Amino acid sequence: MAYYSKEEQETLLGYCAAEDCGTVYTTIPADIRKYREFVYDFKEEMDDEGRVIVLSGKCDKKQIKLVKPRVKREYTEEERQVLAERMRLNREKKNS
């Protein structure tokens, strides 16, 4: 069996209160490579070619978190001019 199809690929991150640790399950190749570094007590499933196609295991609970997405701020033309002037002054101060 090769890698899972795009429709079947998933990554699940959880928190197990009973064991006070995070849990990881993934079938996404890029996530397998990323999480393999810090997941412990893990199990891997291999395909016929020896590639890891499933990774599941535990990690430190502090590694399981969601962050708020950054919001792109829209500036008015006056705010842009003020920021540009501030940057120009800081560059001049830095170069002198």
C-alpha atoms as a PDB file:
ATOM      1  CA  MET A   1       0.000   0.000   0.000  1.00  0.00           C
ATOM      2  CA  ALA A   2       1.341   3.421  -0.914  1.00  0.00           C
ATOM      3  CA  TYR A   3       0.639   6.636   0.911  1.00  0.00           C
ATOM      4  CA  TYR A   4      -2.997   7.281   1.692  1.00  0.00           C
ATOM      5  CA  SER A   5      -4.996   9.268  -0.863  1.00  0.00           C
ATOM      6  CA  LYS A   6      -5.546  12.975  -0.167  1.00  0.00           C
ATOM      7  CA  GLU A   7      -9.128  12.237   0.924  1.00  0.00           C
ATOM      8  CA  GLU A   8      -7.885   9.725   3.517  1.00  0.00           C
ATOM      9  CA  GLN A   9      -4.955  11.744   4.903  1.00  0.00           C
ATOM     10  CA  GLU A  10      -5.500  13.262   8.336  1.00  0.00           C
ATOM     11  CA  THR A  11      -3.680  14.430  11.434  1.00  0.00           C
ATOM     12  CA  LEU A  12      -5.317  14.167  14.835  1.00  0.00           C
ATOM     13  CA  LEU A  13      -3.851  15.893  17.882  1.00  0.00           C
ATOM     14  CA  GLY A  14      -5.388  15.271  21.269  1.00  0.00           C
ATOM     15  CA  TYR A  15      -4.884  15.490  24.992  1.00  0.00           C
ATOM     16  CA  CYS A  16      -5.251  12.490  27.287  1.00  0.00           C
ATOM     17  CA  ALA A  17      -6.090  13.701  30.794  1.00  0.00           C
ATOM     18  CA  ALA A  18      -5.691  10.241  32.332  1.00  0.00           C
ATOM     19  CA  GLU A  19      -2.077   9.974  31.172  1.00  0.00           C
ATOM     20  CA  ASP A  20      -1.376  13.744  31.248  1.00  0.00           C
ATOM     21  CA  CYS A  21       0.131  13.720  27.760  1.00  0.00           C
ATOM     22  CA  GLY A  22      -0.646  14.681  24.195  1.00  0.00           C
ATOM     23  CA  THR A  23      -1.520  12.139  21.512  1.00  0.00           C
ATOM     24  CA  VAL A  24      -0.664  12.262  17.818  1.00  0.00           C
ATOM     25  CA  TYR A  25      -2.044  10.234  14.911  1.00  0.00           C
ATOM     26  CA  THR A  26      -1.165  11.158  11.345  1.00  0.00           C
ATOM     27  CA  THR A  27      -1.215   9.735   7.835  1.00  0.00           C
ATOM     28  CA  ILE A  28       0.108  12.912   6.170  1.00  0.00           C
ATOM     29  CA  PRO A  29       3.711  12.335   4.993  1.00  0.00           C
ATOM     30  CA  ALA A  30       4.945  15.854   5.867  1.00  0.00           C
ATOM     31  CA  ASP A  31       3.424  15.621   9.359  1.00  0.00           C
ATOM     32  CA  ILE A  32       4.929  12.162   9.862  1.00  0.00           C
ATOM     33  CA  ARG A  33       8.391  13.626   9.230  1.00  0.00           C
ATOM     34  CA  LYS A  34       7.703  16.622  11.485  1.00  0.00           C
ATOM     35  CA  TYR A  35       6.156  14.804  14.462  1.00  0.00           C
ATOM     36  CA  ARG A  36       8.572  11.874  14.379  1.00  0.00           C
ATOM     37  CA  GLU A  37      11.185  14.096  16.060  1.00  0.00           C
ATOM     38  CA  PHE A  38       9.299  14.594  19.328  1.00  0.00           C
ATOM     39  CA  VAL A  39       6.714  11.810  19.523  1.00  0.00           C
ATOM     40  CA  TYR A  40       7.627   9.018  21.930  1.00  0.00           C
ATOM     41  CA  ASP A  41       6.109   5.612  22.639  1.00  0.00           C
ATOM     42  CA  PHE A  42       5.092   5.592  18.992  1.00  0.00           C
ATOM     43  CA  LYS A  43       3.930   3.003  16.496  1.00  0.00           C
ATOM     44  CA  GLU A  44       4.586   3.180  12.779  1.00  0.00           C
ATOM     45  CA  GLU A  45       2.956   1.368   9.900  1.00  0.00           C
ATOM     46  CA  MET A  46       5.038   0.823   6.788  1.00  0.00           C
ATOM     47  CA  ASP A  47       4.002   0.249   3.192  1.00  0.00           C
ATOM     48  CA  ASP A  48       5.491  -2.397   0.895  1.00  0.00           C
ATOM     49  CA  GLU A  49       8.324  -0.039  -0.058  1.00  0.00           C
ATOM     50  CA  GLY A  50       9.368   0.558   3.564  1.00  0.00           C
ATOM     51  CA  ARG A  51       7.927   4.079   3.840  1.00  0.00           C
ATOM     52  CA  VAL A  52       6.154   5.105   7.033  1.00  0.00           C
ATOM     53  CA  ILE A  53       2.501   5.723   6.169  1.00  0.00           C
ATOM     54  CA  VAL A  54       1.025   5.992   9.700  1.00  0.00           C
ATOM     55  CA  LEU A  55       2.530   7.451  12.863  1.00  0.00           C
ATOM     56  CA  SER A  56       0.775   7.368  16.216  1.00  0.00           C
ATOM     57  CA  GLY A  57       2.199   8.072  19.635  1.00  0.00           C
ATOM     58  CA  LYS A  58       2.459  10.380  22.611  1.00  0.00           C
ATOM     59  CA  CYS A  59       4.070  13.753  23.162  1.00  0.00           C
ATOM     60  CA  ASP A  60       4.393  16.369  25.882  1.00  0.00           C
ATOM     61  CA  LYS A  61       1.018  17.994  26.546  1.00  0.00           C
ATOM     62  CA  LYS A  62       2.564  21.453  26.074  1.00  0.00           C
ATOM     63  CA  GLN A  63       3.146  20.636  22.415  1.00  0.00           C
ATOM     64  CA  ILE A  64      -0.593  20.325  21.742  1.00  0.00           C
ATOM     65  CA  LYS A  65      -2.009  23.808  21.293  1.00  0.00           C
ATOM     66  CA  LEU A  66      -3.935  25.944  18.872  1.00  0.00           C
ATOM     67  CA  VAL A  67      -2.998  29.521  18.172  1.00  0.00           C
ATOM     68  CA  LYS A  68      -5.141  32.335  16.889  1.00  0.00           C
ATOM     69  CA  PRO A  69      -4.509  33.081  13.225  1.00  0.00           C
ATOM     70  CA  ARG A  70      -2.825  36.392  12.521  1.00  0.00           C
ATOM     71  CA  VAL A  71      -5.122  39.046  11.138  1.00  0.00           C
ATOM     72  CA  LYS A  72      -3.724  41.173   8.353  1.00  0.00           C
ATOM     73  CA  ARG A  73      -4.203  44.791   9.268  1.00  0.00           C
ATOM     74  CA  GLU A  74      -5.487  47.229   6.681  1.00  0.00           C
ATOM     75  CA  TYR A  75      -3.872  50.667   6.947  1.00  0.00           C
ATOM     76  CA  THR A  76      -5.285  53.944   5.703  1.00  0.00           C
ATOM     77  CA  GLU A  77      -3.084  56.080   3.463  1.00  0.00           C
ATOM     78  CA  GLU A  78      -2.352  58.464   6.364  1.00  0.00           C
ATOM     79  CA  GLU A  79      -1.294  55.562   8.619  1.00  0.00           C
ATOM     80  CA  ARG A  80       1.002  54.247   5.881  1.00  0.00           C
ATOM     81  CA  GLN A  81       2.654  57.641   5.541  1.00  0.00           C
ATOM     82  CA  VAL A  82       3.198  57.886   9.312  1.00  0.00           C
ATOM     83  CA  LEU A  83       4.695  54.370   9.380  1.00  0.00           C
ATOM     84  CA  ALA A  84       6.902  55.091   6.374  1.00  0.00           C
ATOM     85  CA  GLU A  85       8.205  58.260   8.008  1.00  0.00           C
ATOM     86  CA  ARG A  86       8.882  56.419  11.261  1.00  0.00           C
ATOM     87  CA  MET A  87      10.818  53.726   9.386  1.00  0.00           C
ATOM     88  CA  ARG A  88      12.814  56.342   7.478  1.00  0.00           C
ATOM     89  CA  LEU A  89      13.791  58.094  10.724  1.00  0.00           C
ATOM     90  CA  ASN A  90      14.789  54.792  12.354  1.00  0.00           C
ATOM     91  CA  ARG A  91      16.955  53.861   9.348  1.00  0.00           C
ATOM     92  CA  GLU A  92      18.657  57.251   9.436  1.00  0.00           C
ATOM     93  CA  LYS A  93      19.271  56.912  13.170  1.00  0.00           C
ATOM     94  CA  LYS A  94      20.660  53.388  12.705  1.00  0.00           C
ATOM     95  CA  ASN A  95      22.997  54.412   9.847  1.00  0.00           C
ATOM     96  CA  SER A  96      24.420  57.461  11.590  1.00  0.00           C
END
